[in-house]
Protein backbone atom coordinates (compact mmCIF):
# COMPACT_ATOMS: atom_id res chain seq x y z
CA MET A 1 0.00 0.00 0.00
CA SER A 2 1.21 3.51 -0.76
CA GLU A 3 2.18 5.18 2.49
CA GLU A 4 0.57 8.47 1.43
CA ILE A 5 -2.87 6.91 1.76
CA PHE A 6 -2.66 6.81 5.53
CA PHE A 7 -0.95 8.89 8.16
CA LEU A 8 0.86 7.01 10.90
CA THR A 9 3.89 7.72 13.06
CA ASN A 10 6.91 5.40 12.94
CA THR A 11 5.65 3.85 16.16
CA ASP A 12 2.21 3.15 14.63
CA LYS A 13 3.72 1.74 11.44
CA ILE A 14 6.03 -0.63 13.31
CA ALA A 15 3.21 -1.78 15.61
CA GLU A 16 1.09 -2.38 12.51
CA ASP A 17 3.87 -4.36 10.78
CA LEU A 18 4.62 -6.48 13.86
CA SER A 19 0.93 -7.25 14.20
CA LYS A 20 0.81 -8.41 10.57
CA ARG A 21 3.86 -10.62 11.11
CA ILE A 22 2.19 -12.17 14.16
CA THR A 23 -1.16 -12.82 12.47
CA GLY A 24 0.74 -14.11 9.41
CA GLY A 25 2.44 -16.75 11.53
CA GLU A 26 6.01 -15.44 11.48
CA PHE A 27 5.83 -15.14 15.26
CA PRO A 28 3.54 -17.99 16.49
CA LEU A 29 1.37 -17.85 19.61
CA GLY A 30 3.57 -18.00 22.72
CA HIS A 31 6.68 -17.16 20.66
CA LYS A 32 9.33 -14.81 22.07
CA LEU A 33 10.03 -11.76 19.92
CA PRO A 34 13.55 -10.56 19.09
CA SER A 35 15.08 -8.09 21.55
CA PHE A 36 14.38 -4.35 21.39
CA ARG A 37 17.91 -3.83 20.09
CA ALA A 38 17.49 -6.42 17.32
CA LEU A 39 14.11 -5.00 16.24
CA ALA A 40 15.49 -1.44 16.37
CA SER A 41 18.30 -2.49 14.05
CA GLU A 42 15.87 -4.28 11.72
CA TYR A 43 13.51 -1.27 11.44
CA ASP A 44 16.35 1.28 11.56
CA VAL A 45 14.83 3.19 14.50
CA SER A 46 15.73 3.76 18.14
CA SER A 47 14.97 1.24 20.89
CA GLN A 48 12.55 3.78 22.38
CA VAL A 49 10.40 3.60 19.22
CA ILE A 50 10.32 -0.21 19.48
CA GLN A 51 9.33 0.04 23.15
CA SER A 52 6.48 2.42 22.26
CA ALA A 53 5.30 0.13 19.45
CA SER A 54 5.37 -2.91 21.75
CA LYS A 55 3.38 -0.98 24.35
CA ILE A 56 0.63 -0.45 21.75
CA LEU A 57 0.52 -4.20 21.04
CA ILE A 58 0.47 -5.02 24.75
CA GLU A 59 -2.49 -2.68 25.24
CA GLN A 60 -4.22 -4.32 22.27
CA GLY A 61 -3.79 -7.75 23.85
CA ILE A 62 -1.44 -9.05 21.16
CA LEU A 63 1.80 -9.14 23.17
CA MET A 64 2.66 -9.70 26.81
CA SER A 65 5.78 -8.64 28.65
CA MET A 66 7.74 -10.86 31.02
CA PRO A 67 10.18 -8.81 33.14
CA ARG A 68 13.87 -9.59 32.47
CA ILE A 69 12.87 -12.16 29.86
CA GLY A 70 11.30 -10.27 26.98
CA LEU A 71 8.18 -9.88 24.85
CA PHE A 72 5.97 -12.82 23.90
CA VAL A 73 2.99 -13.27 21.62
CA ARG A 74 0.02 -14.02 23.84
CA PRO A 75 -0.41 -17.83 24.04
CA ASP A 76 -4.17 -17.73 23.49
CA THR A 77 -6.47 -17.39 20.50
CA GLU A 78 -7.28 -13.71 21.04
CA VAL A 79 -4.90 -12.54 18.30
CA ALA A 80 -6.48 -14.72 15.63
CA GLN A 81 -9.98 -13.65 16.64
CA ARG A 82 -9.32 -9.90 16.68
CA LYS A 83 -11.50 -7.86 14.34
CA LYS A 84 -10.06 -5.13 12.13
CA MET A 85 -11.77 -1.74 11.92
CA ALA A 86 -10.66 0.72 9.23
CA VAL A 87 -11.21 4.36 10.23
CA LEU A 88 -11.25 6.70 7.21
CA SER A 89 -10.71 10.44 7.31
CA HIS A 90 -10.58 13.15 4.67
CA TYR A 91 -8.75 15.35 7.18
CA PHE A 92 -4.96 15.41 6.85
CA GLY A 93 -3.64 16.03 10.32
CA THR A 94 -3.72 14.51 13.78
CA TYR A 95 -6.57 12.04 13.73
CA GLU A 96 -6.94 12.41 17.50
CA ARG A 97 -8.58 15.79 16.73
CA SER A 98 -10.99 14.41 14.15
CA TYR A 99 -14.75 14.20 14.59
CA LEU A 100 -14.72 10.40 14.57
CA TRP A 101 -12.06 10.26 17.27
CA SER A 102 -14.02 12.62 19.51
CA VAL A 103 -17.54 11.25 19.23
CA LEU A 104 -16.56 7.55 19.20
CA GLN A 105 -13.78 7.84 21.80
CA LEU A 106 -11.51 5.66 19.67
CA ASN A 107 -8.78 5.81 22.33
CA SER A 108 -10.96 3.90 24.83
CA ASN A 109 -9.61 0.38 25.43
CA GLU A 110 -12.81 -0.49 27.24
CA LEU A 111 -15.09 0.39 24.30
CA TRP A 112 -12.91 -1.05 21.55
CA SER A 113 -11.13 -3.99 23.23
CA GLY A 114 -10.55 -6.90 20.88
CA ILE A 115 -10.77 -4.61 17.84
CA LYS A 116 -7.71 -3.55 15.91
CA GLN A 117 -8.03 -0.01 14.57
CA GLN A 118 -6.36 1.07 11.35
CA HIS A 119 -6.49 4.79 10.53
CA TYR A 120 -6.34 5.96 6.92
CA PHE A 121 -6.24 9.33 5.22
CA LEU A 122 -7.91 9.69 1.81
CA PRO A 123 -6.02 12.30 -0.27
CA SER A 124 -8.66 12.07 -3.00
CA CYS A 125 -11.35 13.38 -0.61
CA GLU A 126 -9.33 16.29 0.73
CA SER A 127 -10.39 18.42 -2.22
CA ALA A 128 -13.91 18.99 -3.51
CA SER A 129 -12.64 18.23 -7.03
CA TYR A 130 -11.54 14.65 -6.54
CA ASP A 131 -12.01 11.89 -9.09
CA CYS A 132 -13.53 8.49 -8.41
CA LYS A 133 -10.62 6.60 -9.99
CA SER A 134 -8.25 7.90 -7.33
CA LEU A 135 -10.69 7.08 -4.56
CA GLN A 136 -11.26 3.59 -5.94
CA TYR A 137 -7.50 2.98 -5.99
CA GLU A 138 -7.20 4.12 -2.36
CA LEU A 139 -10.08 1.88 -1.28
CA ASP A 140 -8.56 -1.09 -3.13
CA CYS A 141 -5.30 -0.54 -1.23
CA ILE A 142 -7.15 -0.34 2.10
CA MET A 143 -9.06 -3.54 1.36
CA GLN A 144 -5.73 -5.36 0.97
CA ASP A 145 -5.43 -5.04 4.76
CA ARG A 146 -8.67 -7.09 5.05
CA PRO A 147 -10.70 -4.90 7.44
CA ASP A 148 -13.93 -6.37 8.82
CA ILE A 149 -15.71 -3.01 8.97
CA MET A 150 -15.11 0.58 7.89
CA LEU A 151 -16.00 3.84 9.67
CA VAL A 152 -16.24 7.04 7.61
CA ASP A 153 -16.72 10.70 8.48
CA LEU A 154 -19.63 11.46 6.14
CA MET A 155 -19.82 15.24 6.20
CA GLN A 156 -17.45 16.10 3.33
CA LEU A 157 -18.18 13.21 0.96
CA GLU A 158 -19.90 13.54 -2.40
CA CYS A 159 -22.50 11.23 -3.92
CA GLU A 160 -20.09 9.16 -6.05
CA ALA A 161 -17.81 8.53 -3.08
CA ILE A 162 -20.69 7.26 -0.95
CA GLU A 163 -21.75 4.87 -3.70
CA LEU A 164 -18.20 3.48 -4.03
CA LEU A 165 -17.98 2.96 -0.28
CA GLN A 166 -21.36 1.28 -0.03
CA ASN A 167 -20.37 -1.16 -2.79
CA LEU A 168 -17.47 -2.54 -0.72
CA PRO A 169 -17.89 -6.17 0.42
CA ILE A 170 -17.78 -5.19 4.13
CA PRO A 171 -20.12 -3.08 6.29
CA VAL A 172 -19.38 0.64 5.98
CA VAL A 173 -20.72 2.89 8.75
CA PHE A 174 -21.04 6.60 8.01
CA ILE A 175 -20.74 8.86 11.05
CA GLY A 176 -22.42 12.29 10.92
CA ASP A 177 -24.87 14.13 8.70
CA LEU A 178 -24.90 14.20 4.92
CA ASN A 179 -23.67 17.21 2.99
CA PHE A 180 -26.66 17.08 0.62
CA ASP A 181 -29.89 15.23 -0.10
CA PHE A 182 -28.54 11.80 -1.06
CA PRO A 183 -30.84 10.06 -3.59
CA LEU A 184 -30.02 6.53 -2.39
CA THR A 185 -30.50 4.77 0.94
CA ILE A 186 -27.59 4.92 3.36
CA LYS A 187 -27.23 1.39 4.68
CA ASN A 188 -25.46 2.27 7.93
CA GLN A 189 -25.43 5.77 9.42
CA ILE A 190 -24.99 7.00 13.02
CA VAL A 191 -25.67 10.65 13.85
CA GLU A 192 -25.97 12.77 16.96
CA ASP A 193 -29.13 14.71 17.83
CA THR A 194 -28.28 17.98 16.06
CA PRO A 195 -31.35 19.98 17.21
CA ALA A 196 -30.41 19.31 20.85
CA ARG A 197 -27.06 21.05 20.30
CA ALA A 198 -28.72 24.16 18.84
CA GLU A 199 -31.28 24.25 21.65
CA PHE A 200 -28.49 24.12 24.22
CA TYR A 201 -26.74 27.09 22.58
CA ILE A 202 -29.83 29.26 22.93
CA LYS A 203 -30.61 28.07 26.46
CA THR A 204 -27.05 28.94 27.49
CA ALA A 205 -27.33 32.40 25.92
CA LYS A 206 -30.64 32.96 27.71
CA LYS A 207 -29.16 31.84 31.02
CA LEU A 208 -26.34 34.37 30.55
CA GLY A 209 -28.89 37.13 30.06
CA ALA A 210 -28.25 37.69 26.34
CA GLU A 211 -30.87 39.61 24.39
CA SER A 212 -29.22 39.05 21.01
CA VAL A 213 -27.19 36.18 19.55
CA SER A 214 -25.12 35.60 16.41
CA LEU A 215 -24.49 31.99 15.40
CA VAL A 216 -21.52 31.38 13.08
CA GLY A 217 -21.93 28.11 11.18
CA GLY A 218 -18.74 26.15 10.63
CA ALA A 219 -17.20 24.10 7.86
CA LEU A 220 -19.74 21.35 8.32
CA SER A 221 -22.39 19.70 6.16
CA VAL A 222 -25.07 21.83 4.52
CA LEU A 223 -27.90 19.79 6.01
CA TYR A 224 -26.34 19.89 9.48
CA CYS A 225 -25.96 23.69 9.32
CA ALA A 226 -29.56 24.05 8.13
CA GLN A 227 -30.76 21.97 11.09
CA ILE A 228 -28.69 23.99 13.54
CA ASN A 229 -29.94 27.29 12.11
CA GLU A 230 -33.63 26.39 12.03
CA THR A 231 -33.64 24.94 15.55
CA ALA A 232 -31.67 27.85 17.02
CA LYS A 233 -33.97 30.35 15.30
CA LYS A 234 -37.06 28.63 16.72
CA HIS A 235 -35.74 28.57 20.28
CA ALA A 236 -34.43 32.14 20.06
CA LYS A 237 -37.89 33.36 19.06
CA LYS A 238 -39.44 31.33 21.88
CA ASN A 239 -37.07 32.95 24.40
CA GLY A 240 -37.42 36.48 23.05
CA ILE A 241 -33.81 36.66 21.78
CA ARG A 242 -32.83 38.47 18.59
CA TYR A 243 -31.07 35.92 16.40
CA ARG A 244 -28.79 36.13 13.35
CA TYR A 245 -27.02 33.33 11.49
CA TYR A 246 -23.81 33.58 9.45
CA SER A 247 -22.56 30.75 7.27
CA ARG A 248 -18.78 30.54 7.25
CA ARG A 249 -18.22 27.35 5.30
CA GLY A 250 -14.60 26.86 4.43
CA TYR A 251 -12.91 28.23 7.52
CA ASP A 252 -10.34 25.99 9.14
CA SER A 253 -10.92 25.59 12.88
CA ASP A 254 -7.23 24.62 13.25
CA ASN A 255 -6.05 27.87 11.67
CA LEU A 256 -5.85 30.96 13.86
CA HIS A 257 -5.80 33.30 10.87
CA ASP A 258 -9.03 31.74 9.55
CA ILE A 259 -10.71 32.04 12.96
CA TYR A 260 -9.63 35.67 13.24
CA GLN A 261 -10.82 36.50 9.71
CA VAL A 262 -14.19 34.83 10.33
CA HIS A 263 -14.66 36.75 13.56
CA GLN A 264 -13.64 40.05 11.93
CA GLN A 265 -15.98 39.45 9.00
CA THR A 266 -18.82 38.67 11.37
CA ALA A 267 -17.99 41.76 13.44
CA ARG A 268 -18.07 44.02 10.37
CA GLU A 269 -21.43 42.66 9.24
CA LEU A 270 -22.87 43.00 12.72
CA SER A 271 -21.59 46.56 12.98
CA ALA A 272 -23.20 47.44 9.65
CA GLN A 273 -26.48 46.00 10.92
CA GLY A 274 -26.58 47.93 14.17
CA GLY A 275 -23.67 46.71 16.26
CA PHE A 276 -22.58 43.58 18.08
CA ASP A 277 -24.93 41.06 19.51
CA ASP A 278 -24.42 40.08 23.14
CA ILE A 279 -23.02 36.66 22.27
CA ILE A 280 -21.31 35.16 19.24
CA ILE A 281 -21.52 31.37 19.02
CA PHE A 282 -18.91 29.53 16.95
CA ASP A 283 -20.31 26.13 16.02
CA GLY A 284 -17.60 23.48 15.64
CA MET A 285 -14.24 22.65 17.15
CA VAL A 286 -12.07 25.69 17.81
CA ARG A 287 -9.06 25.42 20.09
CA LEU A 288 -9.02 27.40 23.30
CA ASP A 289 -5.51 28.75 22.69
CA PHE A 290 -6.71 30.24 19.40
CA PHE A 291 -9.43 32.14 21.21
CA ILE A 292 -7.01 33.36 23.86
CA GLU A 293 -4.73 34.71 21.13
CA LEU A 294 -7.73 36.24 19.38
CA LEU A 295 -8.89 37.94 22.57
CA ASN A 296 -5.40 39.36 23.14
CA ASN A 297 -5.13 40.68 19.57
CA SER A 298 -4.74 44.48 19.53
CA GLU A 299 -7.07 44.98 16.55
CA TYR A 300 -9.72 42.82 18.16
CA ASN A 301 -9.42 44.75 21.41
CA LYS A 302 -10.44 47.96 19.60
CA LEU A 303 -13.85 46.42 19.03
CA LYS A 304 -16.66 46.06 21.51
CA LYS A 305 -16.21 42.45 22.58
CA PRO A 306 -19.21 40.16 22.96
CA GLU A 307 -18.93 36.91 24.83
CA ILE A 308 -18.00 33.94 22.68
CA ILE A 309 -19.36 30.41 22.89
CA SER A 310 -17.79 27.41 21.20
CA PRO A 311 -18.94 23.85 21.87
CA ALA A 312 -16.11 21.34 21.80
CA GLU A 313 -14.24 19.77 24.70
CA ILE A 314 -10.95 21.58 24.12
CA THR A 315 -12.48 24.77 22.82
CA SER A 316 -14.04 28.05 23.66
CA GLY A 317 -13.62 31.67 24.51
CA LEU A 318 -15.04 33.33 27.58
CA ILE A 319 -17.79 30.74 27.77
CA SER A 320 -16.97 27.07 27.18
CA ILE A 321 -19.39 24.27 26.43
CA HIS A 322 -18.02 20.90 27.50
CA THR A 323 -19.43 18.01 25.47
CA ASP A 324 -19.50 14.54 27.03
CA TYR A 325 -19.86 11.86 24.32
CA SER A 326 -19.33 8.85 26.61
CA LYS A 327 -22.91 7.49 26.44
CA PHE A 328 -23.14 8.24 22.72
CA SER A 329 -19.82 6.45 22.13
CA ALA A 330 -20.89 3.40 24.12
CA LYS A 331 -24.11 3.01 22.12
CA ALA A 332 -22.32 3.58 18.81
CA ALA A 333 -19.68 0.97 19.74
CA GLU A 334 -22.46 -1.50 20.56
CA LEU A 335 -24.08 -0.93 17.14
CA ILE A 336 -20.76 -1.23 15.32
CA ARG A 337 -19.84 -4.45 17.12
CA GLY A 338 -23.27 -5.81 16.21
CA LEU A 339 -22.55 -5.18 12.52
CA MET A 340 -19.19 -6.93 12.83
CA ASP A 341 -20.92 -10.00 14.21
CA ASN A 342 -23.73 -9.80 11.61
CA PRO A 343 -22.23 -8.15 8.50
CA GLY A 344 -25.30 -9.01 6.41
CA LYS A 345 -27.57 -6.73 8.46
CA SER A 346 -28.07 -2.96 8.07
CA LEU A 347 -28.50 -0.28 10.71
CA GLY A 348 -30.30 2.24 8.55
CA LYS A 349 -30.08 5.75 9.99
CA LYS A 350 -29.62 5.71 13.77
CA VAL A 351 -30.13 9.06 15.49
CA LEU A 352 -28.71 8.63 18.98
CA ASP A 353 -30.65 11.33 20.81
CA GLY A 354 -30.51 12.02 24.52
CA LEU A 355 -27.06 10.45 24.92
CA ILE A 356 -24.84 13.55 24.71
CA GLN A 357 -24.38 15.64 27.85
CA ARG A 358 -23.39 19.30 27.59
CA LYS A 359 -22.36 21.75 30.29
CA ALA A 360 -21.62 25.47 29.89
CA PHE A 361 -19.22 27.30 32.17
CA ARG A 362 -17.22 30.53 32.23
CA ILE A 363 -13.48 30.52 31.76
CA SER A 364 -11.81 32.84 34.24
CA ASP A 365 -8.44 34.56 34.09
CA ILE A 366 -8.15 34.70 30.30
């Protein structure tokens, strides 16, 4: 497989290769592995990298460590029975910050024990102008690793890509809302209760005494943003709050310059329409350190500053909304495991409502 298709550290790649050698029979069950020094020499890396890779395999239940003796392949059948789960992302970066990683808690050994995760990046889906031949090649390469199931972040995919994925011979689970009205049936889709998020925004603004709110829609799916806007508008009217919505599709929540430009653009439009609202809500994941830098920016400080709300766990401004996905993740993991055991079945569209807990709080000393 071409290495550009997925993004892994040296540690991840070595752990992946050792796992393949174990399942392929090169290192039988109960067999002692070569020393750290020997493996480091073989892979042309430091012993520390080998230690980190072995730690991953120990946590996955593939290896066990015997002090002063060495590493051994577990002498049971767990390795042979482990399921493989391919996790696909269109986002080139640290997958620990991706939507799938957050809502499914992919780092939880308790939720995903006995399942081997393989993370892939799809270069063909990074751009809106991708071609299906490139995507098909990437999927063919991924299928060579023989995954039992595939998880996909659905928000940025186009119609042709969804069709290609659904034609694979394994269950494919799409996580999140569609970017458009898809003409065909999605066989397996898991989504959060989007209206509940919008309602919480407005309730938080009301609790803070806001009389006017601006909601800035992020680089998310069109249908998701429409749901957020309509629900927020309804609850704002119900609570007597003036409400305005601004679509900012295309901004990068990992780019401080983009966040600053979006906020400045919103500020200019608000000023032209009669001044700032009491609260600006940024929908999507925006890092807290970006907001701190934004708030300390000299140009920004010349403006009348409203309070800012942003929803993700590691995000916010003066007001933070902590999102707890633990119950959502547990239910999603249960559904995904069920598909692995019964690959011929379909989930349909599963809206997991009432499982996400949100809490708003002020951040002091910014």
